[in-house]
Protein backbone atom coordinates (compact mmCIF):
# COMPACT_ATOMS: atom_id res chain seq x y z
CA MET A 1 2.01 -20.35 -3.36
CA GLN A 2 4.08 -17.20 -3.32
CA LYS A 3 5.72 -15.86 -0.19
CA HIS A 4 3.28 -12.96 0.26
CA HIS A 5 0.35 -15.40 0.11
CA TRP A 6 1.85 -17.36 3.02
CA ILE A 7 2.30 -14.16 5.00
CA LEU A 8 -1.33 -13.15 4.39
CA LEU A 9 -2.53 -16.61 5.37
CA ALA A 10 -0.44 -16.52 8.55
CA LEU A 11 -1.75 -13.06 9.52
CA LEU A 12 -5.33 -14.17 9.00
CA ALA A 13 -4.84 -17.41 10.95
CA LEU A 14 -3.13 -15.60 13.83
CA ALA A 15 -5.89 -12.98 13.92
CA ALA A 16 -8.59 -15.68 14.01
CA GLY A 17 -6.72 -17.53 16.75
CA SER A 18 -6.31 -14.37 18.80
CA TYR A 19 -10.00 -13.52 18.43
CA ALA A 20 -11.07 -17.04 19.39
CA ARG A 21 -8.77 -17.21 22.41
CA GLY A 22 -9.70 -13.67 23.46
CA PHE A 23 -13.41 -14.44 23.41
CA LEU A 24 -12.87 -17.75 25.18
CA VAL A 25 -10.71 -16.31 27.97
CA GLY A 26 -12.27 -12.85 28.00
CA SER A 27 -8.98 -11.11 27.36
CA VAL A 28 -9.11 -7.61 25.92
CA GLY A 29 -5.41 -7.85 25.10
CA LEU A 30 -5.90 -10.86 22.83
CA LEU A 31 -8.86 -9.21 21.14
CA ALA A 32 -6.74 -6.11 20.53
CA LEU A 33 -3.95 -8.30 19.13
CA GLY A 34 -6.47 -9.95 16.81
CA LEU A 35 -7.63 -6.54 15.66
CA LEU A 36 -4.06 -5.45 14.91
CA LEU A 37 -3.28 -8.66 13.05
CA GLU A 38 -6.46 -8.38 11.00
CA GLY A 39 -5.60 -4.78 10.19
CA ALA A 40 -2.15 -5.84 9.01
CA PHE A 41 -3.80 -8.52 6.85
CA TRP A 42 -6.09 -6.01 5.12
CA VAL A 43 -3.33 -3.44 4.62
CA ARG A 44 -1.05 -6.02 3.00
CA LEU A 45 -3.88 -7.43 0.90
CA LEU A 46 -5.03 -4.07 -0.44
CA ARG A 47 -1.49 -2.81 -0.95
CA ARG A 48 -0.63 -5.90 -3.00
CA LYS A 49 -3.79 -5.61 -5.02
CA SER A 50 -3.24 -1.95 -5.89
CA LYS A 51 0.38 -2.59 -6.93
CA SER A 52 -0.67 -5.44 -9.22
CA THR A 53 -3.41 -3.27 -10.71
CA ASN A 54 -0.91 -0.53 -11.47
CA SER A 55 1.49 -2.97 -13.12
CA VAL A 56 -1.29 -4.25 -15.38
CA THR A 57 -2.32 -0.78 -16.51
CA GLY A 58 1.24 0.42 -16.79
CA GLU A 59 0.67 3.33 -14.39
CA ASN A 60 3.18 4.20 -11.66
């Protein structure tokens, strides 16, 4: 696996853990952390995908 795949996996796992712990404890802070981590996951995923699409088509 490439480095960016590990980072994406870690962000997703941390987000899921934060959501689970936040729901279990009832902590708004952990839920907000989960939301931020999930947002970072999606931004990195979509940014990577659009860069790879551009490199395939040859567009900059």
